[in-house]
């Protein structure tokens, strides 16, 4: 069934990983797309691929969301071109798996800029037109790290906790306007995220295979959860169990376990 005939989804971080798979699944279901990422060449390649496969119209917007002006530039460009966004997908984000003190301050502030500030501003900018239309959907990519402090990935986990909290609150605020908000919470997913977060490539034997999720599956589950109106979607049975375990675990135990796991992830996954 084509959920999106005549509708348009904006996907940030669309050049690779979960974002690219999300763009693909939206195209499969009849949506036109606005694809946002830093690399114009990669986005253009994606646009051609999706047009050839599905006849999808893809508007390419190369933007660096760590720049404070980027969200407003995106919004104004689309308004100028008369493109209405029916679904906002805030997927862009990155992390750092190392101690807080050893993480360069520039990377810390950029992480907050992309994972928190840009996501929040895009939600605010596009919620207005959705309220006017009395229809819309927002998918914010959070993480299982949203549910627990993450020593050795402290800022990343804190940004994702913000995304989860914001998404839950907005889901209630926007419900009367026929707008749904979904927080997608994957665990470790096999994308370029690990190498970007650690600077290391290759499998880490300390991380078992059952904890590694497939980006395509994560994207499909996110798409389905969004259209079902789910507020929180946790990917992977192991992670669902883990989050449930956290509900009954003393905070000091959760912090200790999180720190041990975070230390292992300094070598990637």
Protein backbone atom coordinates (compact mmCIF):
# COMPACT_ATOMS: atom_id res chain seq x y z
CA UNK A 1 0.00 0.00 0.00
CA UNK A 2 1.38 3.43 -0.94
CA UNK A 3 1.16 5.46 2.27
CA UNK A 4 2.65 8.55 0.74
CA UNK A 5 1.08 9.16 -2.66
CA UNK A 6 1.39 12.89 -3.29
CA UNK A 7 3.16 13.47 0.04
CA UNK A 8 6.70 14.56 0.81
CA UNK A 9 9.08 13.40 3.55
CA UNK A 10 12.15 15.34 4.63
CA UNK A 11 14.98 13.06 5.78
CA UNK A 12 18.10 14.46 7.42
CA UNK A 13 21.32 12.46 7.39
CA UNK A 14 20.04 10.78 4.22
CA UNK A 15 23.44 10.09 2.67
CA UNK A 16 24.14 6.82 4.49
CA UNK A 17 23.23 4.32 7.17
CA UNK A 18 19.77 4.40 8.71
CA UNK A 19 18.99 7.70 6.98
CA UNK A 20 19.62 6.29 3.52
CA UNK A 21 17.49 3.24 4.32
CA UNK A 22 14.71 5.46 5.65
CA UNK A 23 14.77 7.51 2.46
CA UNK A 24 14.54 4.29 0.45
CA UNK A 25 11.59 2.87 2.36
CA UNK A 26 9.70 6.16 2.06
CA UNK A 27 10.35 6.13 -1.69
CA UNK A 28 9.11 2.52 -1.90
CA UNK A 29 5.83 3.65 -0.35
CA UNK A 30 5.17 6.47 -2.77
CA UNK A 31 6.62 9.48 -0.98
CA UNK A 32 8.59 12.20 -2.67
CA UNK A 33 11.63 13.24 -0.70
CA UNK A 34 13.73 16.11 0.48
CA UNK A 35 17.16 14.66 1.28
CA UNK A 36 19.48 16.57 3.59
CA UNK A 37 23.13 15.78 4.35
CA UNK A 38 26.53 17.40 3.93
CA UNK A 39 27.61 15.65 0.70
CA UNK A 40 25.93 17.00 -2.41
CA UNK A 41 27.43 14.28 -4.63
CA UNK A 42 26.21 11.46 -2.40
CA UNK A 43 22.72 12.96 -2.19
CA UNK A 44 22.59 13.39 -5.96
CA UNK A 45 23.53 9.74 -6.39
CA UNK A 46 20.74 8.74 -3.99
CA UNK A 47 18.27 10.95 -5.86
CA UNK A 48 19.09 9.29 -9.18
CA UNK A 49 18.92 5.82 -7.64
CA UNK A 50 15.48 6.41 -6.08
CA UNK A 51 14.13 8.03 -9.23
CA UNK A 52 15.25 5.09 -11.36
CA UNK A 53 13.83 2.53 -8.92
CA UNK A 54 10.57 4.19 -7.84
CA UNK A 55 10.05 7.34 -9.91
CA UNK A 56 10.59 9.35 -6.74
CA UNK A 57 11.16 13.08 -6.97
CA UNK A 58 14.05 13.90 -4.63
CA UNK A 59 14.93 17.48 -3.75
CA UNK A 60 18.59 17.57 -2.73
CA UNK A 61 19.60 20.02 0.01
CA UNK A 62 23.28 19.79 1.00
CA UNK A 63 23.46 21.31 4.50
CA UNK A 64 25.70 20.88 7.52
CA UNK A 65 23.35 20.74 10.50
CA UNK A 66 26.14 21.59 12.92
CA UNK A 67 25.87 25.12 11.52
CA UNK A 68 23.26 27.12 13.49
CA UNK A 69 21.84 28.69 10.33
CA UNK A 70 21.14 25.37 8.57
CA UNK A 71 17.59 24.61 9.86
CA UNK A 72 16.28 28.05 8.92
CA UNK A 73 17.95 27.81 5.52
CA UNK A 74 16.26 24.46 4.88
CA UNK A 75 12.87 25.75 5.96
CA UNK A 76 13.10 28.95 3.91
CA UNK A 77 14.32 27.12 0.78
CA UNK A 78 11.38 24.73 0.88
CA UNK A 79 8.84 27.48 1.56
CA UNK A 80 10.28 29.45 -1.35
CA UNK A 81 9.89 26.44 -3.64
CA UNK A 82 6.37 25.73 -2.39
CA UNK A 83 7.29 22.30 -1.00
CA UNK A 84 5.10 21.22 1.92
CA UNK A 85 6.58 18.66 4.29
CA UNK A 86 4.11 16.00 5.42
CA UNK A 87 6.68 13.91 7.33
CA UNK A 88 9.77 15.22 9.09
CA UNK A 89 12.46 12.61 9.76
CA UNK A 90 15.21 13.86 12.07
CA UNK A 91 17.82 11.17 11.55
CA UNK A 92 21.07 13.17 11.36
CA UNK A 93 23.32 12.66 14.36
CA UNK A 94 26.69 11.38 15.51
CA UNK A 95 28.49 10.25 18.64
CA UNK A 96 31.88 9.85 20.28
CA UNK A 97 32.91 6.73 22.23
CA UNK A 98 35.64 8.01 24.52
CA UNK A 99 35.90 9.73 27.89
CA UNK A 100 34.31 13.15 28.19
CA UNK A 101 37.60 14.86 29.06
CA UNK A 102 39.36 13.30 26.07
CA UNK A 103 36.67 14.30 23.59
CA UNK A 104 37.59 17.55 21.78
CA UNK A 105 35.30 20.39 22.83
CA UNK A 106 34.60 21.20 19.18
CA UNK A 107 33.18 17.70 18.73
CA UNK A 108 31.09 18.00 21.89
CA UNK A 109 29.51 21.28 20.79
CA UNK A 110 28.95 20.02 17.23
CA UNK A 111 27.26 16.89 18.62
CA UNK A 112 24.89 19.00 20.70
CA UNK A 113 24.32 21.23 17.68
CA UNK A 114 23.27 18.37 15.39
CA UNK A 115 21.67 15.92 17.81
CA UNK A 116 19.78 18.48 19.89
CA UNK A 117 19.68 22.03 18.56
CA UNK A 118 19.09 21.31 14.85
CA UNK A 119 16.56 18.56 15.60
CA UNK A 120 14.63 20.82 17.97
CA UNK A 121 14.63 23.74 15.57
CA UNK A 122 13.43 21.60 12.66
CA UNK A 123 10.61 20.22 14.82
CA UNK A 124 9.59 23.77 15.73
CA UNK A 125 9.82 25.11 12.18
CA UNK A 126 7.83 22.33 10.53
CA UNK A 127 5.28 21.78 13.32
CA UNK A 128 3.74 25.18 12.49
CA UNK A 129 2.72 24.33 8.91
CA UNK A 130 1.62 20.85 10.03
CA UNK A 131 -0.68 22.45 12.63
CA UNK A 132 -2.11 24.71 9.93
CA UNK A 133 -2.77 21.67 7.72
CA UNK A 134 -4.06 19.70 10.74
CA UNK A 135 -1.97 16.72 9.66
CA UNK A 136 1.61 15.56 9.88
CA UNK A 137 4.11 13.07 11.23
CA UNK A 138 7.51 13.46 12.89
CA UNK A 139 10.07 10.68 13.31
CA UNK A 140 13.01 11.48 15.59
CA UNK A 141 15.84 8.96 15.64
CA UNK A 142 16.90 8.56 19.26
CA UNK A 143 18.70 5.48 20.63
CA UNK A 144 18.55 2.85 23.34
CA UNK A 145 21.15 5.14 24.92
CA UNK A 146 18.19 7.44 25.60
CA UNK A 147 17.16 5.25 28.54
CA UNK A 148 20.39 5.08 30.53
CA UNK A 149 23.45 7.19 31.39
CA UNK A 150 26.27 6.23 29.04
CA UNK A 151 29.73 6.74 30.58
CA UNK A 152 32.38 6.92 27.83
CA UNK A 153 29.68 8.21 25.50
CA UNK A 154 28.30 10.74 27.97
CA UNK A 155 27.30 13.56 25.63
CA UNK A 156 25.89 11.26 22.98
CA UNK A 157 23.68 9.49 25.51
CA UNK A 158 22.57 12.82 26.99
CA UNK A 159 21.60 14.16 23.57
CA UNK A 160 19.55 11.07 22.84
CA UNK A 161 17.83 11.26 26.22
CA UNK A 162 16.81 14.78 25.20
CA UNK A 163 15.45 13.50 21.88
CA UNK A 164 13.34 10.85 23.62
CA UNK A 165 11.97 13.28 26.20
CA UNK A 166 11.19 15.93 23.59
CA UNK A 167 9.49 13.40 21.33
CA UNK A 168 7.28 12.06 24.11
CA UNK A 169 6.25 15.56 25.17
CA UNK A 170 5.54 16.70 21.60
CA UNK A 171 3.50 13.58 20.91
CA UNK A 172 1.04 14.78 23.57
CA UNK A 173 1.12 18.45 22.58
CA UNK A 174 0.58 17.80 18.89
CA UNK A 175 -1.94 14.97 19.19
CA UNK A 176 -4.95 17.37 19.12
CA UNK A 177 -3.68 18.69 15.78
CA UNK A 178 -3.64 15.21 14.19
CA UNK A 179 0.17 15.11 14.26
CA UNK A 180 2.03 12.05 15.50
CA UNK A 181 5.57 12.03 16.92
CA UNK A 182 7.62 8.84 17.10
CA UNK A 183 11.00 8.27 18.75
CA UNK A 184 12.93 5.49 17.03
CA UNK A 185 15.37 3.87 19.46
CA UNK A 186 17.79 1.47 17.77
CA UNK A 187 20.72 -0.20 19.46
CA UNK A 188 24.08 -0.79 17.79
CA UNK A 189 23.39 -0.71 14.06
CA UNK A 190 25.84 -1.68 11.33
CA UNK A 191 26.43 1.63 9.56
CA UNK A 192 29.31 4.07 9.36
CA UNK A 193 28.41 5.35 12.83
CA UNK A 194 30.93 3.19 14.71
CA UNK A 195 33.92 4.28 12.64
CA UNK A 196 32.89 7.93 12.91
CA UNK A 197 32.44 7.62 16.68
CA UNK A 198 35.69 5.76 17.39
CA UNK A 199 37.99 6.26 14.42
CA UNK A 200 38.34 2.48 14.25
CA UNK A 201 37.02 0.02 11.69
CA UNK A 202 36.52 -3.71 11.83
CA UNK A 203 34.52 -5.93 14.15
CA UNK A 204 34.99 -5.77 17.90
CA UNK A 205 34.96 -9.32 19.32
CA UNK A 206 33.66 -7.95 22.64
CA UNK A 207 30.35 -7.07 20.95
CA UNK A 208 28.29 -10.18 20.07
CA UNK A 209 26.59 -10.39 16.70
CA UNK A 210 23.09 -10.58 18.20
CA UNK A 211 23.53 -7.01 19.43
CA UNK A 212 24.22 -5.67 15.93
CA UNK A 213 21.14 -4.52 14.06
CA UNK A 214 20.59 -4.24 10.32
CA UNK A 215 20.03 -0.66 9.13
CA UNK A 216 17.43 -1.70 6.56
CA UNK A 217 15.38 -3.53 9.20
CA UNK A 218 15.66 -0.62 11.62
CA UNK A 219 14.39 1.75 8.93
CA UNK A 220 11.44 -0.46 8.00
CA UNK A 221 10.44 -0.87 11.64
CA UNK A 222 10.71 2.88 12.10
CA UNK A 223 8.55 3.55 9.06
CA UNK A 224 5.90 1.12 10.28
CA UNK A 225 5.95 2.52 13.82
CA UNK A 226 5.57 6.05 12.49
CA UNK A 227 2.51 5.17 10.44
CA UNK A 228 1.01 3.17 13.30
CA UNK A 229 1.31 6.23 15.51
CA UNK A 230 3.65 4.56 18.02
CA UNK A 231 5.38 7.04 20.31
CA UNK A 232 8.42 4.87 21.15
CA UNK A 233 9.88 2.11 18.99
CA UNK A 234 12.81 0.11 20.39
CA UNK A 235 14.52 -2.00 17.74
CA UNK A 236 15.71 -5.52 18.52
CA UNK A 237 14.39 -7.97 21.11
CA UNK A 238 17.64 -7.90 23.11
CA UNK A 239 17.40 -4.14 23.45
CA UNK A 240 13.72 -4.30 24.36
CA UNK A 241 14.63 -6.68 27.19
CA UNK A 242 17.51 -4.44 28.23
CA UNK A 243 15.32 -1.35 28.47
CA UNK A 244 12.74 -3.32 30.48
CA UNK A 245 15.52 -4.50 32.83
CA UNK A 246 16.53 -0.89 33.41
CA UNK A 247 13.08 -0.08 34.79
CA UNK A 248 13.75 -2.29 37.81
CA UNK A 249 17.48 -1.69 38.22
CA UNK A 250 19.01 0.72 40.76
CA UNK A 251 20.56 3.70 39.03
CA UNK A 252 24.05 3.01 40.38
CA UNK A 253 23.95 -0.48 38.84
CA UNK A 254 22.72 0.91 35.51
CA UNK A 255 25.52 3.50 35.51
CA UNK A 256 28.15 0.87 36.29
CA UNK A 257 26.96 -1.52 33.59
CA UNK A 258 26.63 1.34 31.12
CA UNK A 259 30.19 2.42 31.84
CA UNK A 260 31.56 -1.08 31.32
CA UNK A 261 29.74 -1.40 28.01
CA UNK A 262 30.77 2.08 26.93
CA UNK A 263 34.41 1.26 27.59
CA UNK A 264 34.15 -1.78 25.30
CA UNK A 265 32.68 0.41 22.56
CA UNK A 266 35.81 2.58 22.43
CA UNK A 267 37.08 -0.12 20.04
CA UNK A 268 33.96 0.17 17.89
CA UNK A 269 31.44 -2.52 17.03
